[in-house]
Amino acid sequence: MTHLTPTALGPAPECRRLVEEMPIILWTADATGRWTHVHQRWIEYTGVIGETYGFGFEEGLHPEDVAPTLAVQTEAIRTG
């Protein structure tokens, strides 16, 4: 299986247009967990733009989901 990178999909504007057309809610982050792109549907659904310090998605989660989600995210960043 081949992993696609943004450069494999073409220039950034074309990638972003493709991502924005997907009928899902998503964001992308760098290796430190800092957001690099926030999908418009995420913004519409949560009202969270993603320009926050840290992970940035906690405000969009149900309170009971914050701790387990952060644990998984932190482990993913730690292990790469």
PDB file of N, CA and C in Angstrom:
ATOM      1  N   MET A   1       0.845  -1.173   0.000  1.00  0.00           N
ATOM      2  CA  MET A   1       0.000   0.000   0.000  1.00  0.00           C
ATOM      3  C   MET A   1       0.891   1.237   0.000  1.00  0.00           C
ATOM      4  N   THR A   2       0.546   2.218  -0.796  1.00  0.00           N
ATOM      5  CA  THR A   2       1.299   3.464  -0.883  1.00  0.00           C
ATOM      6  C   THR A   2       0.616   4.525  -0.046  1.00  0.00           C
ATOM      7  N   HIS A   3       1.414   5.226   0.746  1.00  0.00           N
ATOM      8  CA  HIS A   3       0.879   6.337   1.531  1.00  0.00           C
ATOM      9  C   HIS A   3       1.008   7.602   0.717  1.00  0.00           C
ATOM     10  N   LEU A   4      -0.064   8.367   0.617  1.00  0.00           N
ATOM     11  CA  LEU A   4      -0.043   9.598  -0.144  1.00  0.00           C
ATOM     12  C   LEU A   4       0.370  10.758   0.737  1.00  0.00           C
ATOM     13  N   THR A   5       1.152  11.630   0.187  1.00  0.00           N
ATOM     14  CA  THR A   5       1.525  12.865   0.859  1.00  0.00           C
ATOM     15  C   THR A   5       0.846  14.004   0.117  1.00  0.00           C
ATOM     16  N   PRO A   6       0.759  15.190   0.734  1.00  0.00           N
ATOM     17  CA  PRO A   6       0.146  16.315   0.017  1.00  0.00           C
ATOM     18  C   PRO A   6       0.802  16.576  -1.336  1.00  0.00           C
ATOM     19  N   THR A   7       2.112  16.422  -1.449  1.00  0.00           N
ATOM     20  CA  THR A   7       2.770  16.662  -2.726  1.00  0.00           C
ATOM     21  C   THR A   7       2.415  15.587  -3.742  1.00  0.00           C
ATOM     22  N   ALA A   8       2.092  14.398  -3.277  1.00  0.00           N
ATOM     23  CA  ALA A   8       1.700  13.336  -4.202  1.00  0.00           C
ATOM     24  C   ALA A   8       0.341  13.622  -4.829  1.00  0.00           C
ATOM     25  N   LEU A   9      -0.486  14.380  -4.133  1.00  0.00           N
ATOM     26  CA  LEU A   9      -1.819  14.702  -4.643  1.00  0.00           C
ATOM     27  C   LEU A   9      -1.824  15.952  -5.503  1.00  0.00           C
ATOM     28  N   GLY A  10      -0.741  16.675  -5.544  1.00  0.00           N
ATOM     29  CA  GLY A  10      -0.667  17.887  -6.344  1.00  0.00           C
ATOM     30  C   GLY A  10      -0.457  19.102  -5.465  1.00  0.00           C
ATOM     31  N   PRO A  11      -0.451  20.275  -6.075  1.00  0.00           N
ATOM     32  CA  PRO A  11      -0.239  21.514  -5.321  1.00  0.00           C
ATOM     33  C   PRO A  11      -1.299  21.705  -4.231  1.00  0.00           C
ATOM     34  N   ALA A  12      -0.930  22.410  -3.196  1.00  0.00           N
ATOM     35  CA  ALA A  12      -1.786  22.604  -2.024  1.00  0.00           C
ATOM     36  C   ALA A  12      -3.198  23.075  -2.356  1.00  0.00           C
ATOM     37  N   PRO A  13      -3.401  24.070  -3.239  1.00  0.00           N
ATOM     38  CA  PRO A  13      -4.787  24.492  -3.500  1.00  0.00           C
ATOM     39  C   PRO A  13      -5.669  23.354  -4.018  1.00  0.00           C
ATOM     40  N   GLU A  14      -5.116  22.510  -4.883  1.00  0.00           N
ATOM     41  CA  GLU A  14      -5.905  21.395  -5.404  1.00  0.00           C
ATOM     42  C   GLU A  14      -6.214  20.389  -4.296  1.00  0.00           C
ATOM     43  N   CYS A  15      -5.242  20.150  -3.416  1.00  0.00           N
ATOM     44  CA  CYS A  15      -5.471  19.235  -2.294  1.00  0.00           C
ATOM     45  C   CYS A  15      -6.564  19.761  -1.392  1.00  0.00           C
ATOM     46  N   ARG A  16      -6.484  21.015  -1.058  1.00  0.00           N
ATOM     47  CA  ARG A  16      -7.476  21.596  -0.157  1.00  0.00           C
ATOM     48  C   ARG A  16      -8.866  21.567  -0.763  1.00  0.00           C
ATOM     49  N   ARG A  17      -8.965  21.841  -2.055  1.00  0.00           N
ATOM     50  CA  ARG A  17     -10.278  21.796  -2.718  1.00  0.00           C
ATOM     51  C   ARG A  17     -10.840  20.379  -2.658  1.00  0.00           C
ATOM     52  N   LEU A  18      -9.988  19.383  -2.900  1.00  0.00           N
ATOM     53  CA  LEU A  18     -10.413  17.984  -2.827  1.00  0.00           C
ATOM     54  C   LEU A  18     -10.893  17.642  -1.425  1.00  0.00           C
ATOM     55  N   VAL A  19     -10.125  18.030  -0.423  1.00  0.00           N
ATOM     56  CA  VAL A  19     -10.484  17.750   0.975  1.00  0.00           C
ATOM     57  C   VAL A  19     -11.791  18.426   1.349  1.00  0.00           C
ATOM     58  N   GLU A  20     -11.971  19.680   0.947  1.00  0.00           N
ATOM     59  CA  GLU A  20     -13.187  20.412   1.296  1.00  0.00           C
ATOM     60  C   GLU A  20     -14.442  19.788   0.683  1.00  0.00           C
ATOM     61  N   GLU A  21     -14.293  19.091  -0.421  1.00  0.00           N
ATOM     62  CA  GLU A  21     -15.439  18.459  -1.071  1.00  0.00           C
ATOM     63  C   GLU A  21     -15.819  17.126  -0.439  1.00  0.00           C
ATOM     64  N   MET A  22     -14.966  16.564   0.397  1.00  0.00           N
ATOM     65  CA  MET A  22     -15.261  15.280   1.035  1.00  0.00           C
ATOM     66  C   MET A  22     -16.411  15.443   2.039  1.00  0.00           C
ATOM     67  N   PRO A  23     -17.366  14.525   2.039  1.00  0.00           N
ATOM     68  CA  PRO A  23     -18.519  14.638   2.933  1.00  0.00           C
ATOM     69  C   PRO A  23     -18.228  14.085   4.334  1.00  0.00           C
ATOM     70  N   ILE A  24     -17.128  14.524   4.915  1.00  0.00           N
ATOM     71  CA  ILE A  24     -16.723  14.076   6.246  1.00  0.00           C
ATOM     72  C   ILE A  24     -16.228  15.267   7.042  1.00  0.00           C
ATOM     73  N   ILE A  25     -16.013  15.056   8.327  1.00  0.00           N
ATOM     74  CA  ILE A  25     -15.454  16.089   9.199  1.00  0.00           C
ATOM     75  C   ILE A  25     -14.019  15.679   9.522  1.00  0.00           C
ATOM     76  N   LEU A  26     -13.057  16.566   9.213  1.00  0.00           N
ATOM     77  CA  LEU A  26     -11.670  16.215   9.480  1.00  0.00           C
ATOM     78  C   LEU A  26     -10.808  17.446   9.674  1.00  0.00           C
ATOM     79  N   TRP A  27      -9.602  17.181  10.130  1.00  0.00           N
ATOM     80  CA  TRP A  27      -8.554  18.193  10.208  1.00  0.00           C
ATOM     81  C   TRP A  27      -7.242  17.459   9.994  1.00  0.00           C
ATOM     82  N   THR A  28      -6.205  18.204   9.712  1.00  0.00           N
ATOM     83  CA  THR A  28      -4.881  17.605   9.618  1.00  0.00           C
ATOM     84  C   THR A  28      -3.978  18.314  10.614  1.00  0.00           C
ATOM     85  N   ALA A  29      -2.965  17.604  11.059  1.00  0.00           N
ATOM     86  CA  ALA A  29      -2.030  18.150  12.037  1.00  0.00           C
ATOM     87  C   ALA A  29      -0.624  17.707  11.685  1.00  0.00           C
ATOM     88  N   ASP A  30       0.349  18.466  12.181  1.00  0.00           N
ATOM     89  CA  ASP A  30       1.743  18.074  11.957  1.00  0.00           C
ATOM     90  C   ASP A  30       2.161  17.051  13.007  1.00  0.00           C
ATOM     91  N   ALA A  31       3.424  16.685  13.016  1.00  0.00           N
ATOM     92  CA  ALA A  31       3.926  15.640  13.915  1.00  0.00           C
ATOM     93  C   ALA A  31       3.852  16.025  15.386  1.00  0.00           C
ATOM     94  N   THR A  32       3.682  17.312  15.681  1.00  0.00           N
ATOM     95  CA  THR A  32       3.571  17.749  17.070  1.00  0.00           C
ATOM     96  C   THR A  32       2.119  17.866  17.523  1.00  0.00           C
ATOM     97  N   GLY A  33       1.184  17.641  16.611  1.00  0.00           N
ATOM     98  CA  GLY A  33      -0.227  17.759  16.941  1.00  0.00           C
ATOM     99  C   GLY A  33      -0.820  19.121  16.618  1.00  0.00           C
ATOM    100  N   ARG A  34       0.002  20.052  16.136  1.00  0.00           N
ATOM    101  CA  ARG A  34      -0.478  21.381  15.779  1.00  0.00           C
ATOM    102  C   ARG A  34      -1.280  21.305  14.486  1.00  0.00           C
ATOM    103  N   TRP A  35      -2.459  21.906  14.491  1.00  0.00           N
ATOM    104  CA  TRP A  35      -3.324  21.854  13.314  1.00  0.00           C
ATOM    105  C   TRP A  35      -2.672  22.540  12.131  1.00  0.00           C
ATOM    106  N   THR A  36      -2.780  21.920  10.962  1.00  0.00           N
ATOM    107  CA  THR A  36      -2.289  22.525   9.738  1.00  0.00           C
ATOM    108  C   THR A  36      -3.429  22.827   8.770  1.00  0.00           C
ATOM    109  N   HIS A  37      -4.561  22.187   8.963  1.00  0.00           N
ATOM    110  CA  HIS A  37      -5.745  22.454   8.136  1.00  0.00           C
ATOM    111  C   HIS A  37      -6.980  22.018   8.912  1.00  0.00           C
ATOM    112  N   VAL A  38      -8.028  22.807   8.802  1.00  0.00           N
ATOM    113  CA  VAL A  38      -9.303  22.471   9.433  1.00  0.00           C
ATOM    114  C   VAL A  38     -10.366  22.447   8.347  1.00  0.00           C
ATOM    115  N   HIS A  39     -11.083  21.358   8.264  1.00  0.00           N
ATOM    116  CA  HIS A  39     -12.138  21.158   7.278  1.00  0.00           C
ATOM    117  C   HIS A  39     -13.317  22.080   7.605  1.00  0.00           C
ATOM    118  N   GLN A  40     -13.914  22.677   6.595  1.00  0.00           N
ATOM    119  CA  GLN A  40     -15.034  23.603   6.798  1.00  0.00           C
ATOM    120  C   GLN A  40     -16.195  22.935   7.531  1.00  0.00           C
ATOM    121  N   ARG A  41     -16.445  21.666   7.278  1.00  0.00           N
ATOM    122  CA  ARG A  41     -17.552  20.983   7.969  1.00  0.00           C
ATOM    123  C   ARG A  41     -17.284  20.877   9.475  1.00  0.00           C
ATOM    124  N   TRP A  42     -16.021  20.729   9.880  1.00  0.00           N
ATOM    125  CA  TRP A  42     -15.675  20.723  11.305  1.00  0.00           C
ATOM    126  C   TRP A  42     -16.044  22.067  11.923  1.00  0.00           C
ATOM    127  N   ILE A  43     -15.715  23.139  11.241  1.00  0.00           N
ATOM    128  CA  ILE A  43     -16.018  24.484  11.734  1.00  0.00           C
ATOM    129  C   ILE A  43     -17.520  24.678  11.845  1.00  0.00           C
ATOM    130  N   GLU A  44     -18.259  24.282  10.829  1.00  0.00           N
ATOM    131  CA  GLU A  44     -19.715  24.420  10.847  1.00  0.00           C
ATOM    132  C   GLU A  44     -20.348  23.594  11.966  1.00  0.00           C
ATOM    133  N   TYR A  45     -19.861  22.383  12.183  1.00  0.00           N
ATOM    134  CA  TYR A  45     -20.441  21.474  13.177  1.00  0.00           C
ATOM    135  C   TYR A  45     -20.110  21.889  14.603  1.00  0.00           C
ATOM    136  N   THR A  46     -18.856  22.286  14.839  1.00  0.00           N
ATOM    137  CA  THR A  46     -18.414  22.549  16.204  1.00  0.00           C
ATOM    138  C   THR A  46     -18.319  24.026  16.553  1.00  0.00           C
ATOM    139  N   GLY A  47     -18.150  24.867  15.543  1.00  0.00           N
ATOM    140  CA  GLY A  47     -17.896  26.274  15.801  1.00  0.00           C
ATOM    141  C   GLY A  47     -16.455  26.537  16.200  1.00  0.00           C
ATOM    142  N   VAL A  48     -15.628  25.481  16.242  1.00  0.00           N
ATOM    143  CA  VAL A  48     -14.219  25.587  16.610  1.00  0.00           C
ATOM    144  C   VAL A  48     -13.421  25.749  15.322  1.00  0.00           C
ATOM    145  N   ILE A  49     -12.685  26.824  15.220  1.00  0.00           N
ATOM    146  CA  ILE A  49     -11.926  27.097  14.003  1.00  0.00           C
ATOM    147  C   ILE A  49     -10.614  26.341  13.986  1.00  0.00           C
ATOM    148  N   GLY A  50     -10.046  26.029  15.146  1.00  0.00           N
ATOM    149  CA  GLY A  50      -8.802  25.286  15.178  1.00  0.00           C
ATOM    150  C   GLY A  50      -7.589  26.162  15.331  1.00  0.00           C
ATOM    151  N   GLU A  51      -7.803  27.423  15.565  1.00  0.00           N
ATOM    152  CA  GLU A  51      -6.681  28.333  15.758  1.00  0.00           C
ATOM    153  C   GLU A  51      -6.372  28.471  17.242  1.00  0.00           C
ATOM    154  N   THR A  52      -6.427  27.367  17.940  1.00  0.00           N
ATOM    155  CA  THR A  52      -6.157  27.372  19.363  1.00  0.00           C
ATOM    156  C   THR A  52      -4.808  26.740  19.625  1.00  0.00           C
ATOM    157  N   TYR A  53      -4.261  26.998  20.789  1.00  0.00           N
ATOM    158  CA  TYR A  53      -2.978  26.412  21.157  1.00  0.00           C
ATOM    159  C   TYR A  53      -3.200  24.957  21.548  1.00  0.00           C
ATOM    160  N   GLY A  54      -2.266  24.117  21.243  1.00  0.00           N
ATOM    161  CA  GLY A  54      -2.387  22.701  21.586  1.00  0.00           C
ATOM    162  C   GLY A  54      -3.113  21.950  20.495  1.00  0.00           C
ATOM    163  N   PHE A  55      -3.892  20.973  20.883  1.00  0.00           N
ATOM    164  CA  PHE A  55      -4.568  20.165  19.885  1.00  0.00           C
ATOM    165  C   PHE A  55      -5.664  20.951  19.192  1.00  0.00           C
ATOM    166  N   GLY A  56      -6.446  21.705  19.936  1.00  0.00           N
ATOM    167  CA  GLY A  56      -7.439  22.571  19.324  1.00  0.00           C
ATOM    168  C   GLY A  56      -8.812  21.977  19.145  1.00  0.00           C
ATOM    169  N   PHE A  57      -8.976  20.685  19.342  1.00  0.00           N
ATOM    170  CA  PHE A  57     -10.278  20.091  19.084  1.00  0.00           C
ATOM    171  C   PHE A  57     -11.085  19.791  20.339  1.00  0.00           C
ATOM    172  N   GLU A  58     -10.512  20.017  21.505  1.00  0.00           N
ATOM    173  CA  GLU A  58     -11.176  19.632  22.747  1.00  0.00           C
ATOM    174  C   GLU A  58     -12.551  20.285  22.903  1.00  0.00           C
ATOM    175  N   GLU A  59     -12.674  21.526  22.469  1.00  0.00           N
ATOM    176  CA  GLU A  59     -13.949  22.232  22.617  1.00  0.00           C
ATOM    177  C   GLU A  59     -15.061  21.595  21.796  1.00  0.00           C
ATOM    178  N   GLY A  60     -14.719  20.864  20.746  1.00  0.00           N
ATOM    179  CA  GLY A  60     -15.719  20.219  19.905  1.00  0.00           C
ATOM    180  C   GLY A  60     -16.130  18.848  20.376  1.00  0.00           C
ATOM    181  N   LEU A  61     -15.520  18.360  21.459  1.00  0.00           N
ATOM    182  CA  LEU A  61     -15.810  17.024  21.968  1.00  0.00           C
ATOM    183  C   LEU A  61     -16.796  17.056  23.128  1.00  0.00           C
ATOM    184  N   HIS A  62     -17.496  15.952  23.298  1.00  0.00           N
ATOM    185  CA  HIS A  62     -18.330  15.781  24.486  1.00  0.00           C
ATOM    186  C   HIS A  62     -17.377  15.710  25.681  1.00  0.00           C
ATOM    187  N   PRO A  63     -17.724  16.311  26.814  1.00  0.00           N
ATOM    188  CA  PRO A  63     -16.829  16.322  27.973  1.00  0.00           C
ATOM    189  C   PRO A  63     -16.293  14.946  28.374  1.00  0.00           C
ATOM    190  N   GLU A  64     -17.105  13.902  28.252  1.00  0.00           N
ATOM    191  CA  GLU A  64     -16.653  12.559  28.624  1.00  0.00           C
ATOM    192  C   GLU A  64     -15.648  11.984  27.634  1.00  0.00           C
ATOM    193  N   ASP A  65     -15.575  12.573  26.443  1.00  0.00           N
ATOM    194  CA  ASP A  65     -14.659  12.066  25.417  1.00  0.00           C
ATOM    195  C   ASP A  65     -13.306  12.773  25.413  1.00  0.00           C
ATOM    196  N   VAL A  66     -13.186  13.879  26.129  1.00  0.00           N
ATOM    197  CA  VAL A  66     -11.946  14.662  26.072  1.00  0.00           C
ATOM    198  C   VAL A  66     -10.744  13.859  26.569  1.00  0.00           C
ATOM    199  N   ALA A  67     -10.796  13.308  27.774  1.00  0.00           N
ATOM    200  CA  ALA A  67      -9.643  12.603  28.344  1.00  0.00           C
ATOM    201  C   ALA A  67      -9.213  11.403  27.498  1.00  0.00           C
ATOM    202  N   PRO A  68     -10.128  10.501  27.109  1.00  0.00           N
ATOM    203  CA  PRO A  68      -9.667   9.365  26.307  1.00  0.00           C
ATOM    204  C   PRO A  68      -9.164   9.780  24.923  1.00  0.00           C
ATOM    205  N   THR A  69      -9.757  10.795  24.344  1.00  0.00           N
ATOM    206  CA  THR A  69      -9.306  11.263  23.030  1.00  0.00           C
ATOM    207  C   THR A  69      -7.921  11.874  23.126  1.00  0.00           C
ATOM    208  N   LEU A  70      -7.684  12.690  24.145  1.00  0.00           N
ATOM    209  CA  LEU A  70      -6.362  13.285  24.338  1.00  0.00           C
ATOM    210  C   LEU A  70      -5.309  12.220  24.612  1.00  0.00           C
ATOM    211  N   ALA A  71      -5.682  11.172  25.331  1.00  0.00           N
ATOM    212  CA  ALA A  71      -4.731  10.090  25.602  1.00  0.00           C
ATOM    213  C   ALA A  71      -4.313   9.403  24.303  1.00  0.00           C
ATOM    214  N   VAL A  72      -5.264   9.124  23.427  1.00  0.00           N
ATOM    215  CA  VAL A  72      -4.960   8.490  22.144  1.00  0.00           C
ATOM    216  C   VAL A  72      -4.131   9.431  21.274  1.00  0.00           C
ATOM    217  N   GLN A  73      -4.509  10.698  21.225  1.00  0.00           N
ATOM    218  CA  GLN A  73      -3.772  11.677  20.421  1.00  0.00           C
ATOM    219  C   GLN A  73      -2.335  11.827  20.920  1.00  0.00           C
ATOM    220  N   THR A  74      -2.163  11.926  22.227  1.00  0.00           N
ATOM    221  CA  THR A  74      -0.830  12.073  22.801  1.00  0.00           C
ATOM    222  C   THR A  74       0.038  10.857  22.505  1.00  0.00           C
ATOM    223  N   GLU A  75      -0.535   9.670  22.612  1.00  0.00           N
ATOM    224  CA  GLU A  75       0.214   8.437  22.317  1.00  0.00           C
ATOM    225  C   GLU A  75       0.577   8.376  20.822  1.00  0.00           C
ATOM    226  N   ALA A  76      -0.321   8.802  19.954  1.00  0.00           N
ATOM    227  CA  ALA A  76      -0.036   8.805  18.521  1.00  0.00           C
ATOM    228  C   ALA A  76       1.120   9.744  18.190  1.00  0.00           C
ATOM    229  N   ILE A  77       1.138  10.899  18.830  1.00  0.00           N
ATOM    230  CA  ILE A  77       2.225  11.850  18.603  1.00  0.00           C
ATOM    231  C   ILE A  77       3.532  11.301  19.170  1.00  0.00           C
ATOM    232  N   ARG A  78       3.469  10.690  20.344  1.00  0.00           N
ATOM    233  CA  ARG A  78       4.666  10.158  20.986  1.00  0.00           C
ATOM    234  C   ARG A  78       5.298   9.051  20.169  1.00  0.00           C
ATOM    235  N   THR A  79       4.481   8.190  19.597  1.00  0.00           N
ATOM    236  CA  THR A  79       4.998   7.027  18.873  1.00  0.00           C
ATOM    237  C   THR A  79       5.166   7.253  17.376  1.00  0.00           C
ATOM    238  N   GLY A  80       4.623   8.369  16.894  1.00  0.00           N
ATOM    239  CA  GLY A  80       4.781   8.694  15.475  1.00  0.00           C
ATOM    240  C   GLY A  80       3.882   7.862  14.631  1.00  0.00           C
TER     241      GLY A  80
END
